[in-house]
Amino acid sequence: QVQLVESGGGLVQAGGSLRLSCAASGRSFSGKTMGWFRQAPGKEREFVAACLGWAAGTTYYADSVKGRFTFSCDNAKITVLLQMNSLKPEDTAVYYCAAALSSGLVTSTRNYDYWGQGTQVTVSS
């Protein structure tokens, strides 16, 4: 059974940092795409960052987090990390780890085949 399990969420003040982890099990995601998405209350799930296993681990970020968030993924894609710095209240959301088996549009939720259960990140002002 394939599982993606996120951890590391919590409550932090604006300007602070958090590091999210996603542990994959049940199959190998080496050479595949891993992504992070988030969903705030009343809003659609949105793309945050991706690691393109089929492109030598190239990382890609949403403009809203570029320069503040860093996606680290090892080649085996067993555990991936999202380091979040300079957090803002608008970063508050449930954060989801996802894995895609094909090299499609990495910013689209429809491209991803597996999802974690999510972890809550709350940034207070």
N, C-alpha and C. Protein backbone atom coordinates (compact mmCIF):
# COMPACT_ATOMS: atom_id res chain seq x y z
N GLN A 1 0.85 -1.19 0.00
CA GLN A 1 0.00 0.00 0.00
C GLN A 1 0.89 1.25 0.00
N VAL A 2 0.65 2.14 -0.94
CA VAL A 2 1.44 3.35 -1.04
C VAL A 2 0.94 4.36 0.00
N GLN A 3 1.87 4.94 0.71
CA GLN A 3 1.52 5.96 1.70
C GLN A 3 2.48 7.14 1.61
N LEU A 4 1.93 8.33 1.76
CA LEU A 4 2.70 9.55 1.94
C LEU A 4 2.25 10.12 3.27
N VAL A 5 3.19 10.33 4.18
CA VAL A 5 2.84 10.81 5.51
C VAL A 5 3.60 12.09 5.80
N GLU A 6 2.85 13.17 5.98
CA GLU A 6 3.46 14.47 6.29
C GLU A 6 3.59 14.65 7.80
N SER A 7 4.56 15.45 8.18
CA SER A 7 4.72 15.84 9.58
C SER A 7 5.44 17.18 9.62
N GLY A 8 5.40 17.82 10.78
CA GLY A 8 6.16 19.05 10.97
C GLY A 8 5.34 20.32 11.00
N GLY A 9 4.04 20.20 10.80
CA GLY A 9 3.21 21.39 10.86
C GLY A 9 3.08 21.91 12.28
N GLY A 10 2.48 23.08 12.41
CA GLY A 10 2.28 23.64 13.74
C GLY A 10 1.93 25.10 13.68
N LEU A 11 2.03 25.75 14.83
CA LEU A 11 1.72 27.17 14.97
C LEU A 11 3.02 27.94 15.11
N VAL A 12 3.17 29.00 14.33
CA VAL A 12 4.38 29.80 14.38
C VAL A 12 4.00 31.26 14.18
N GLN A 13 4.81 32.15 14.72
CA GLN A 13 4.56 33.58 14.52
C GLN A 13 5.08 34.02 13.15
N ALA A 14 4.51 35.08 12.64
CA ALA A 14 4.97 35.63 11.37
C ALA A 14 6.47 35.92 11.43
N GLY A 15 7.17 35.56 10.37
CA GLY A 15 8.61 35.71 10.32
C GLY A 15 9.36 34.47 10.77
N GLY A 16 8.65 33.52 11.34
CA GLY A 16 9.27 32.30 11.82
C GLY A 16 9.44 31.26 10.74
N SER A 17 9.88 30.07 11.17
CA SER A 17 10.18 28.99 10.23
C SER A 17 9.56 27.68 10.69
N LEU A 18 9.29 26.84 9.73
CA LEU A 18 8.86 25.47 9.98
C LEU A 18 9.46 24.58 8.90
N ARG A 19 9.65 23.31 9.24
CA ARG A 19 10.11 22.36 8.24
C ARG A 19 9.14 21.20 8.18
N LEU A 20 8.59 20.98 7.01
CA LEU A 20 7.67 19.88 6.80
C LEU A 20 8.42 18.70 6.20
N SER A 21 8.04 17.50 6.63
CA SER A 21 8.60 16.28 6.07
C SER A 21 7.49 15.45 5.45
N CYS A 22 7.87 14.68 4.44
CA CYS A 22 6.94 13.75 3.81
C CYS A 22 7.68 12.44 3.61
N ALA A 23 7.20 11.40 4.25
CA ALA A 23 7.82 10.08 4.13
C ALA A 23 6.98 9.20 3.21
N ALA A 24 7.63 8.64 2.20
CA ALA A 24 6.95 7.79 1.23
C ALA A 24 7.25 6.32 1.51
N SER A 25 6.25 5.49 1.34
CA SER A 25 6.44 4.05 1.50
C SER A 25 5.50 3.31 0.56
N GLY A 26 5.82 2.06 0.30
CA GLY A 26 4.95 1.23 -0.52
C GLY A 26 5.38 1.11 -1.97
N ARG A 27 6.15 2.09 -2.46
CA ARG A 27 6.71 1.99 -3.80
C ARG A 27 7.80 3.04 -3.92
N SER A 28 8.60 2.90 -4.96
CA SER A 28 9.68 3.86 -5.19
C SER A 28 9.17 5.02 -6.04
N PHE A 29 9.60 6.22 -5.67
CA PHE A 29 9.29 7.41 -6.46
C PHE A 29 10.54 8.00 -7.08
N SER A 30 11.58 7.19 -7.15
CA SER A 30 12.81 7.65 -7.79
C SER A 30 12.53 7.99 -9.24
N GLY A 31 12.98 9.17 -9.67
CA GLY A 31 12.76 9.60 -11.04
C GLY A 31 11.38 10.16 -11.30
N LYS A 32 10.57 10.27 -10.26
CA LYS A 32 9.22 10.80 -10.40
C LYS A 32 9.15 12.22 -9.84
N THR A 33 7.99 12.81 -9.92
CA THR A 33 7.78 14.15 -9.40
C THR A 33 7.14 14.10 -8.03
N MET A 34 7.71 14.86 -7.10
CA MET A 34 7.12 15.04 -5.78
C MET A 34 6.70 16.50 -5.68
N GLY A 35 5.57 16.73 -5.05
CA GLY A 35 5.07 18.09 -4.95
C GLY A 35 4.51 18.40 -3.57
N TRP A 36 4.44 19.69 -3.29
CA TRP A 36 3.74 20.20 -2.10
C TRP A 36 2.64 21.14 -2.57
N PHE A 37 1.48 20.96 -1.99
CA PHE A 37 0.34 21.83 -2.25
C PHE A 37 -0.20 22.31 -0.90
N ARG A 38 -1.04 23.31 -0.93
CA ARG A 38 -1.68 23.77 0.30
C ARG A 38 -3.11 24.20 0.01
N GLN A 39 -3.91 24.13 1.05
CA GLN A 39 -5.31 24.53 0.92
C GLN A 39 -5.75 25.27 2.16
N ALA A 40 -6.12 26.52 1.96
CA ALA A 40 -6.64 27.36 3.03
C ALA A 40 -8.16 27.21 3.08
N PRO A 41 -8.78 27.50 4.22
CA PRO A 41 -10.23 27.37 4.34
C PRO A 41 -10.96 28.17 3.27
N GLY A 42 -11.89 27.52 2.59
CA GLY A 42 -12.68 28.20 1.59
C GLY A 42 -11.99 28.43 0.26
N LYS A 43 -10.78 27.92 0.12
CA LYS A 43 -10.03 28.12 -1.12
C LYS A 43 -9.68 26.79 -1.77
N GLU A 44 -9.33 26.86 -3.04
CA GLU A 44 -8.91 25.65 -3.74
C GLU A 44 -7.48 25.28 -3.34
N ARG A 45 -7.19 24.01 -3.52
CA ARG A 45 -5.83 23.55 -3.25
C ARG A 45 -4.89 24.17 -4.29
N GLU A 46 -3.77 24.72 -3.82
CA GLU A 46 -2.86 25.41 -4.73
C GLU A 46 -1.45 24.84 -4.65
N PHE A 47 -0.76 24.96 -5.77
CA PHE A 47 0.60 24.48 -5.89
C PHE A 47 1.54 25.32 -5.05
N VAL A 48 2.51 24.66 -4.40
CA VAL A 48 3.54 25.34 -3.63
C VAL A 48 4.92 25.11 -4.24
N ALA A 49 5.29 23.84 -4.40
CA ALA A 49 6.63 23.53 -4.90
C ALA A 49 6.65 22.11 -5.45
N ALA A 50 7.62 21.84 -6.31
CA ALA A 50 7.78 20.50 -6.87
C ALA A 50 9.25 20.18 -7.06
N CYS A 51 9.55 18.89 -6.98
CA CYS A 51 10.89 18.39 -7.26
C CYS A 51 10.74 17.43 -8.44
N LEU A 52 11.42 17.74 -9.54
CA LEU A 52 11.23 16.99 -10.77
C LEU A 52 12.27 15.89 -10.87
N GLY A 53 11.91 14.70 -10.45
CA GLY A 53 12.85 13.58 -10.47
C GLY A 53 13.31 13.24 -11.86
N TRP A 54 12.47 13.49 -12.87
CA TRP A 54 12.83 13.19 -14.25
C TRP A 54 13.70 14.27 -14.87
N ALA A 55 13.94 15.34 -14.10
CA ALA A 55 14.79 16.44 -14.57
C ALA A 55 15.92 16.67 -13.57
N ALA A 56 16.54 15.59 -13.13
CA ALA A 56 17.70 15.66 -12.24
C ALA A 56 17.39 16.41 -10.95
N GLY A 57 16.17 16.30 -10.46
CA GLY A 57 15.85 16.91 -9.19
C GLY A 57 15.65 18.41 -9.23
N THR A 58 15.38 18.93 -10.40
CA THR A 58 15.11 20.38 -10.52
C THR A 58 13.91 20.75 -9.65
N THR A 59 14.02 21.85 -8.93
CA THR A 59 12.91 22.31 -8.11
C THR A 59 12.21 23.50 -8.76
N TYR A 60 10.93 23.59 -8.48
CA TYR A 60 10.09 24.62 -9.08
C TYR A 60 9.16 25.13 -7.99
N TYR A 61 8.98 26.46 -7.93
CA TYR A 61 8.21 27.06 -6.84
C TYR A 61 7.13 27.99 -7.36
N ALA A 62 6.06 28.09 -6.57
CA ALA A 62 5.06 29.11 -6.83
C ALA A 62 5.69 30.47 -6.53
N ASP A 63 5.27 31.49 -7.25
CA ASP A 63 5.83 32.82 -7.05
C ASP A 63 5.64 33.30 -5.60
N SER A 64 4.55 32.89 -4.98
CA SER A 64 4.23 33.37 -3.64
C SER A 64 5.20 32.85 -2.57
N VAL A 65 5.94 31.79 -2.88
CA VAL A 65 6.86 31.23 -1.88
C VAL A 65 8.31 31.27 -2.33
N LYS A 66 8.54 31.69 -3.54
CA LYS A 66 9.91 31.71 -4.08
C LYS A 66 10.80 32.58 -3.23
N GLY A 67 11.96 32.05 -2.88
CA GLY A 67 12.90 32.79 -2.05
C GLY A 67 12.70 32.58 -0.56
N ARG A 68 11.57 32.02 -0.18
CA ARG A 68 11.28 31.77 1.24
C ARG A 68 11.24 30.28 1.56
N PHE A 69 10.75 29.48 0.61
CA PHE A 69 10.62 28.04 0.82
C PHE A 69 11.69 27.30 0.02
N THR A 70 12.17 26.19 0.57
CA THR A 70 13.15 25.35 -0.12
C THR A 70 12.70 23.90 -0.05
N PHE A 71 12.63 23.26 -1.23
CA PHE A 71 12.20 21.87 -1.34
C PHE A 71 13.46 21.01 -1.50
N SER A 72 13.66 20.10 -0.55
CA SER A 72 14.79 19.19 -0.63
C SER A 72 14.27 17.78 -0.87
N CYS A 73 14.79 17.13 -1.91
CA CYS A 73 14.35 15.77 -2.16
C CYS A 73 15.55 14.93 -2.56
N ASP A 74 15.70 13.78 -1.93
CA ASP A 74 16.82 12.90 -2.28
C ASP A 74 16.43 12.09 -3.51
N ASN A 75 17.41 11.50 -4.14
CA ASN A 75 17.16 10.78 -5.39
C ASN A 75 16.21 9.62 -5.20
N ALA A 76 16.28 8.99 -4.05
CA ALA A 76 15.42 7.84 -3.81
C ALA A 76 13.98 8.25 -3.48
N LYS A 77 13.78 9.54 -3.16
CA LYS A 77 12.46 10.09 -2.85
C LYS A 77 11.81 9.36 -1.69
N ILE A 78 12.60 8.98 -0.72
CA ILE A 78 12.03 8.31 0.44
C ILE A 78 11.44 9.35 1.39
N THR A 79 12.19 10.40 1.64
CA THR A 79 11.73 11.50 2.46
C THR A 79 12.04 12.80 1.75
N VAL A 80 11.05 13.66 1.68
CA VAL A 80 11.27 14.98 1.09
C VAL A 80 10.94 16.01 2.14
N LEU A 81 11.60 17.15 2.05
CA LEU A 81 11.46 18.19 3.05
C LEU A 81 11.06 19.51 2.40
N LEU A 82 10.26 20.27 3.11
CA LEU A 82 9.92 21.62 2.69
C LEU A 82 10.30 22.56 3.82
N GLN A 83 11.38 23.28 3.65
CA GLN A 83 11.82 24.27 4.63
C GLN A 83 11.10 25.58 4.33
N MET A 84 10.38 26.08 5.30
CA MET A 84 9.59 27.30 5.12
C MET A 84 10.13 28.38 6.05
N ASN A 85 10.67 29.43 5.48
CA ASN A 85 11.21 30.55 6.24
C ASN A 85 10.39 31.80 5.99
N SER A 86 10.58 32.79 6.85
CA SER A 86 9.89 34.09 6.70
C SER A 86 8.40 33.88 6.47
N LEU A 87 7.81 33.07 7.30
CA LEU A 87 6.41 32.73 7.12
C LEU A 87 5.51 33.94 7.34
N LYS A 88 4.42 33.96 6.57
CA LYS A 88 3.44 35.04 6.63
C LYS A 88 2.08 34.46 7.01
N PRO A 89 1.20 35.28 7.56
CA PRO A 89 -0.14 34.79 7.89
C PRO A 89 -0.85 34.17 6.69
N GLU A 90 -0.59 34.67 5.51
CA GLU A 90 -1.23 34.12 4.32
C GLU A 90 -0.70 32.75 3.92
N ASP A 91 0.34 32.28 4.60
CA ASP A 91 0.82 30.92 4.37
C ASP A 91 0.01 29.90 5.16
N THR A 92 -0.88 30.36 6.02
CA THR A 92 -1.70 29.46 6.81
C THR A 92 -2.57 28.58 5.92
N ALA A 93 -2.45 27.26 6.11
CA ALA A 93 -3.18 26.31 5.27
C ALA A 93 -2.86 24.90 5.75
N VAL A 94 -3.59 23.95 5.20
CA VAL A 94 -3.19 22.55 5.34
C VAL A 94 -2.26 22.24 4.17
N TYR A 95 -1.10 21.70 4.47
CA TYR A 95 -0.10 21.40 3.47
C TYR A 95 -0.09 19.91 3.15
N TYR A 96 -0.11 19.61 1.85
CA TYR A 96 -0.18 18.24 1.37
C TYR A 96 1.05 17.88 0.54
N CYS A 97 1.55 16.70 0.78
CA CYS A 97 2.59 16.12 -0.04
C CYS A 97 1.92 15.27 -1.12
N ALA A 98 2.50 15.26 -2.32
CA ALA A 98 1.90 14.49 -3.40
C ALA A 98 2.99 13.90 -4.29
N ALA A 99 2.64 12.83 -4.98
CA ALA A 99 3.59 12.18 -5.89
C ALA A 99 2.92 11.90 -7.22
N ALA A 100 3.65 12.18 -8.29
CA ALA A 100 3.13 11.97 -9.64
C ALA A 100 3.98 10.93 -10.37
N LEU A 101 3.33 10.02 -11.04
CA LEU A 101 4.04 8.97 -11.77
C LEU A 101 4.41 9.42 -13.18
N SER A 102 3.74 10.44 -13.70
CA SER A 102 4.03 10.91 -15.04
C SER A 102 4.61 12.31 -14.97
N SER A 103 5.24 12.73 -16.04
CA SER A 103 5.88 14.04 -16.08
C SER A 103 4.96 15.06 -16.73
N GLY A 104 3.79 15.26 -16.13
CA GLY A 104 2.85 16.22 -16.66
C GLY A 104 3.02 17.59 -16.03
N LEU A 105 1.94 18.37 -16.02
CA LEU A 105 1.98 19.72 -15.49
C LEU A 105 2.13 19.67 -13.97
N VAL A 106 3.27 20.05 -13.47
CA VAL A 106 3.57 19.84 -12.05
C VAL A 106 2.77 20.76 -11.14
N THR A 107 2.18 21.83 -11.68
CA THR A 107 1.41 22.74 -10.85
C THR A 107 -0.05 22.34 -10.71
N SER A 108 -0.46 21.29 -11.43
CA SER A 108 -1.86 20.88 -11.41
C SER A 108 -2.08 19.69 -10.48
N THR A 109 -3.11 19.79 -9.63
CA THR A 109 -3.42 18.67 -8.74
C THR A 109 -3.77 17.42 -9.54
N ARG A 110 -4.29 17.59 -10.73
CA ARG A 110 -4.73 16.44 -11.53
C ARG A 110 -3.56 15.59 -12.01
N ASN A 111 -2.35 16.13 -11.95
CA ASN A 111 -1.18 15.39 -12.40
C ASN A 111 -0.70 14.39 -11.36
N TYR A 112 -1.16 14.50 -10.13
CA TYR A 112 -0.62 13.72 -9.03
C TYR A 112 -1.49 12.51 -8.72
N ASP A 113 -0.80 11.40 -8.46
CA ASP A 113 -1.49 10.13 -8.26
C ASP A 113 -1.68 9.75 -6.79
N TYR A 114 -0.79 10.25 -5.95
CA TYR A 114 -0.84 9.89 -4.53
C TYR A 114 -0.77 11.16 -3.69
N TRP A 115 -1.50 11.16 -2.57
CA TRP A 115 -1.56 12.31 -1.68
C TRP A 115 -1.43 11.88 -0.23
N GLY A 116 -0.80 12.73 0.56
CA GLY A 116 -0.78 12.52 1.98
C GLY A 116 -2.05 13.04 2.62
N GLN A 117 -2.13 12.91 3.93
CA GLN A 117 -3.34 13.32 4.66
C GLN A 117 -3.33 14.81 5.00
N GLY A 118 -2.17 15.43 4.88
CA GLY A 118 -2.06 16.86 5.15
C GLY A 118 -1.59 17.16 6.57
N THR A 119 -0.95 18.31 6.71
CA THR A 119 -0.51 18.78 8.01
C THR A 119 -0.82 20.28 8.10
N GLN A 120 -1.35 20.70 9.24
CA GLN A 120 -1.80 22.09 9.41
C GLN A 120 -0.61 23.00 9.73
N VAL A 121 -0.55 24.10 9.01
CA VAL A 121 0.41 25.17 9.29
C VAL A 121 -0.39 26.43 9.58
N THR A 122 -0.15 27.01 10.75
CA THR A 122 -0.84 28.23 11.14
C THR A 122 0.20 29.29 11.49
N VAL A 123 0.11 30.43 10.82
CA VAL A 123 1.04 31.53 11.06
C VAL A 123 0.26 32.69 11.66
N SER A 124 0.63 33.07 12.86
CA SER A 124 -0.06 34.16 13.54
C SER A 124 0.63 35.48 13.26
N SER A 125 -0.16 36.54 13.24
CA SER A 125 0.39 37.88 12.95
C SER A 125 0.84 38.59 14.21
